[in-house]
């Protein structure tokens, strides 16, 4: 028996992401999440789409997040492994840089990619460039924290990078800060 979907709250970005994928795509068999941390979003995606194979990409290295020590990072990886254990045959952890992981994925082989790793302009733009070609025509490039607090007050750069790459093609929901573009 598998666990039920778990959303932190009604405004959960995971809930909206699932809604967007389900609404926009007819068949979901391969996807990637860039920036997994504790695996909550990955677990929800894997629950929702039982035919999906999900690539879970995160470095899990000290220095990636402020106020975290190596124990915190190790615990996050263990949490992600536990959260997705029910789908162990349908997940692949790639514990490396996003750019390196993208080299392991064939062009046009994914139905979607969800970008939620580094939120700084250069990194978001690089993730979009590295992963765009991995999504099949008609698929989705999606992400999180579009015009969120970090963009508006901390100088992150998610909105700037996404807008520069896609212009008026960008769709977003607002409250959960999910963005998406059809390939």
Protein backbone atom coordinates (compact mmCIF):
# COMPACT_ATOMS: atom_id res chain seq x y z
CA UNK A 1 0.00 0.00 0.00
CA UNK A 2 1.33 3.47 -0.90
CA UNK A 3 0.92 6.61 1.12
CA UNK A 4 -1.51 9.33 0.16
CA UNK A 5 -0.43 12.55 -1.50
CA UNK A 6 0.94 14.96 1.06
CA UNK A 7 0.76 18.69 0.60
CA UNK A 8 2.09 21.10 3.21
CA UNK A 9 -0.94 23.35 2.72
CA UNK A 10 -3.68 24.25 0.24
CA UNK A 11 -1.35 26.66 -1.59
CA UNK A 12 1.26 23.96 -2.09
CA UNK A 13 3.40 24.39 -5.18
CA UNK A 14 3.37 20.59 -5.53
CA UNK A 15 -0.43 20.58 -5.79
CA UNK A 16 -0.44 23.25 -8.50
CA UNK A 17 2.43 21.60 -10.35
CA UNK A 18 0.44 18.34 -10.49
CA UNK A 19 -2.62 20.23 -11.72
CA UNK A 20 -0.59 21.95 -14.47
CA UNK A 21 1.04 18.71 -15.61
CA UNK A 22 -2.25 16.83 -15.59
CA UNK A 23 -4.07 19.60 -17.46
CA UNK A 24 -1.37 20.31 -20.03
CA UNK A 25 -0.05 16.81 -20.81
CA UNK A 26 -1.94 13.73 -21.98
CA UNK A 27 0.72 11.12 -21.25
CA UNK A 28 3.33 11.43 -18.51
CA UNK A 29 6.01 8.74 -18.52
CA UNK A 30 9.32 10.58 -17.97
CA UNK A 31 10.18 13.71 -16.04
CA UNK A 32 12.89 15.41 -14.02
CA UNK A 33 12.93 17.48 -10.87
CA UNK A 34 15.94 19.75 -10.51
CA UNK A 35 16.35 20.54 -6.81
CA UNK A 36 14.77 17.76 -4.75
CA UNK A 37 15.80 18.45 -1.13
CA UNK A 38 13.53 16.24 1.05
CA UNK A 39 11.59 14.76 -1.85
CA UNK A 40 8.09 16.00 -0.99
CA UNK A 41 7.38 17.24 -4.52
CA UNK A 42 8.98 14.13 -6.05
CA UNK A 43 6.82 11.84 -3.91
CA UNK A 44 3.66 13.67 -4.89
CA UNK A 45 4.55 13.57 -8.58
CA UNK A 46 5.31 9.85 -8.40
CA UNK A 47 2.01 9.18 -6.59
CA UNK A 48 -0.01 11.15 -9.11
CA UNK A 49 1.51 9.60 -12.23
CA UNK A 50 1.95 5.83 -11.74
CA UNK A 51 3.56 5.31 -15.17
CA UNK A 52 6.17 8.04 -14.59
CA UNK A 53 9.91 7.51 -14.26
CA UNK A 54 11.32 10.54 -12.41
CA UNK A 55 14.91 11.73 -12.47
CA UNK A 56 15.63 13.38 -9.12
CA UNK A 57 18.57 15.76 -9.47
CA UNK A 58 20.26 17.41 -6.48
CA UNK A 59 23.90 17.76 -5.41
CA UNK A 60 23.34 17.38 -1.66
CA UNK A 61 26.61 19.15 -0.98
CA UNK A 62 27.63 21.34 1.91
CA UNK A 63 27.67 24.99 0.91
CA UNK A 64 24.54 24.85 -1.25
CA UNK A 65 22.31 26.24 1.47
CA UNK A 66 23.05 28.74 4.18
CA UNK A 67 22.43 27.71 7.78
CA UNK A 68 22.71 24.00 6.93
CA UNK A 69 25.44 21.63 7.99
CA UNK A 70 26.40 18.31 6.42
CA UNK A 71 24.10 16.43 8.79
CA UNK A 72 21.12 18.53 7.59
CA UNK A 73 22.05 17.77 3.99
CA UNK A 74 22.48 14.05 4.65
CA UNK A 75 19.14 13.97 6.45
CA UNK A 76 17.44 15.69 3.50
CA UNK A 77 18.77 13.04 1.11
CA UNK A 78 17.59 10.25 3.42
CA UNK A 79 14.18 11.92 3.67
CA UNK A 80 13.95 12.08 -0.14
CA UNK A 81 14.88 8.41 -0.40
CA UNK A 82 12.28 7.44 2.20
CA UNK A 83 9.58 9.64 0.67
CA UNK A 84 9.97 8.00 -2.74
CA UNK A 85 10.78 4.45 -1.61
CA UNK A 86 7.32 3.29 -2.76
CA UNK A 87 8.44 4.09 -6.34
CA UNK A 88 12.07 2.99 -6.16
CA UNK A 89 11.80 1.26 -9.57
CA UNK A 90 10.47 4.49 -11.10
CA UNK A 91 13.00 6.97 -9.73
CA UNK A 92 16.62 7.69 -10.48
CA UNK A 93 18.66 9.87 -8.16
CA UNK A 94 21.38 11.85 -9.94
CA UNK A 95 23.56 13.31 -7.18
CA UNK A 96 25.49 15.80 -9.26
CA UNK A 97 25.38 19.28 -10.73
CA UNK A 98 22.29 19.98 -12.81
CA UNK A 99 24.46 20.68 -15.85
CA UNK A 100 26.24 17.31 -15.49
CA UNK A 101 22.96 15.45 -14.95
CA UNK A 102 21.50 16.99 -18.12
CA UNK A 103 24.30 15.34 -20.12
CA UNK A 104 22.98 11.93 -19.02
CA UNK A 105 19.47 12.53 -20.39
CA UNK A 106 18.66 12.05 -24.07
CA UNK A 107 17.23 14.99 -26.03
CA UNK A 108 13.41 15.06 -26.26
CA UNK A 109 13.10 12.16 -23.80
CA UNK A 110 11.19 13.93 -21.00
CA UNK A 111 7.56 15.00 -20.79
CA UNK A 112 8.42 17.73 -18.28
CA UNK A 113 11.20 19.20 -16.20
CA UNK A 114 10.58 21.05 -12.93
CA UNK A 115 13.34 23.54 -12.03
CA UNK A 116 13.54 24.40 -8.33
CA UNK A 117 17.25 24.35 -7.45
CA UNK A 118 19.34 27.51 -7.23
CA UNK A 119 17.18 30.60 -7.53
CA UNK A 120 19.91 32.94 -8.69
CA UNK A 121 19.64 34.42 -12.17
CA UNK A 122 22.69 32.78 -13.78
CA UNK A 123 21.83 29.35 -12.38
CA UNK A 124 18.15 29.48 -13.37
CA UNK A 125 19.09 30.57 -16.87
CA UNK A 126 21.69 27.78 -17.14
CA UNK A 127 19.16 25.20 -15.91
CA UNK A 128 16.64 26.32 -18.52
CA UNK A 129 19.27 26.16 -21.29
CA UNK A 130 20.57 22.75 -20.14
CA UNK A 131 17.18 21.12 -19.78
CA UNK A 132 15.06 22.69 -22.56
CA UNK A 133 16.28 20.24 -25.21
CA UNK A 134 15.60 17.26 -22.93
CA UNK A 135 11.83 17.90 -23.07
CA UNK A 136 9.91 16.47 -26.02
CA UNK A 137 7.89 18.80 -28.26
CA UNK A 138 4.58 19.50 -26.55
CA UNK A 139 6.10 18.90 -23.11
CA UNK A 140 6.59 21.41 -20.30
CA UNK A 141 9.50 23.28 -18.79
CA UNK A 142 8.29 24.35 -15.35
CA UNK A 143 9.70 25.85 -12.21
CA UNK A 144 9.07 27.42 -8.84
CA UNK A 145 9.54 30.77 -7.08
CA UNK A 146 8.64 32.96 -10.04
CA UNK A 147 8.31 36.52 -8.74
CA UNK A 148 8.29 35.30 -5.15
CA UNK A 149 9.64 37.02 -2.07
CA UNK A 150 13.22 36.07 -2.95
CA UNK A 151 12.90 37.64 -6.40
CA UNK A 152 11.34 40.81 -5.06
CA UNK A 153 13.48 41.28 -1.93
CA UNK A 154 16.61 39.12 -2.05
CA UNK A 155 17.75 39.57 -5.64
CA UNK A 156 17.32 35.93 -6.67
CA UNK A 157 16.54 36.29 -10.37
CA UNK A 158 14.05 33.51 -11.18
CA UNK A 159 11.54 35.87 -12.83
CA UNK A 160 14.24 37.76 -14.71
CA UNK A 161 15.81 34.57 -16.13
CA UNK A 162 12.46 33.01 -17.07
CA UNK A 163 11.16 36.23 -18.66
CA UNK A 164 14.39 36.70 -20.65
CA UNK A 165 14.23 33.15 -21.94
CA UNK A 166 10.52 32.98 -22.76
CA UNK A 167 8.96 36.46 -22.76
CA UNK A 168 5.19 36.42 -23.15
CA UNK A 169 5.09 32.61 -23.50
CA UNK A 170 5.48 32.25 -19.71
CA UNK A 171 2.43 31.21 -17.78
CA UNK A 172 2.30 31.44 -14.00
CA UNK A 173 -0.25 31.03 -11.27
CA UNK A 174 0.79 33.79 -8.90
CA UNK A 175 0.16 32.50 -5.35
CA UNK A 176 2.37 29.39 -5.46
CA UNK A 177 4.80 31.03 -7.89
CA UNK A 178 4.80 28.10 -10.34
CA UNK A 179 5.73 28.99 -13.94
CA UNK A 180 5.53 26.89 -17.09
CA UNK A 181 6.19 27.02 -20.81
CA UNK A 182 5.22 24.51 -23.48
CA UNK A 183 8.14 23.24 -25.57
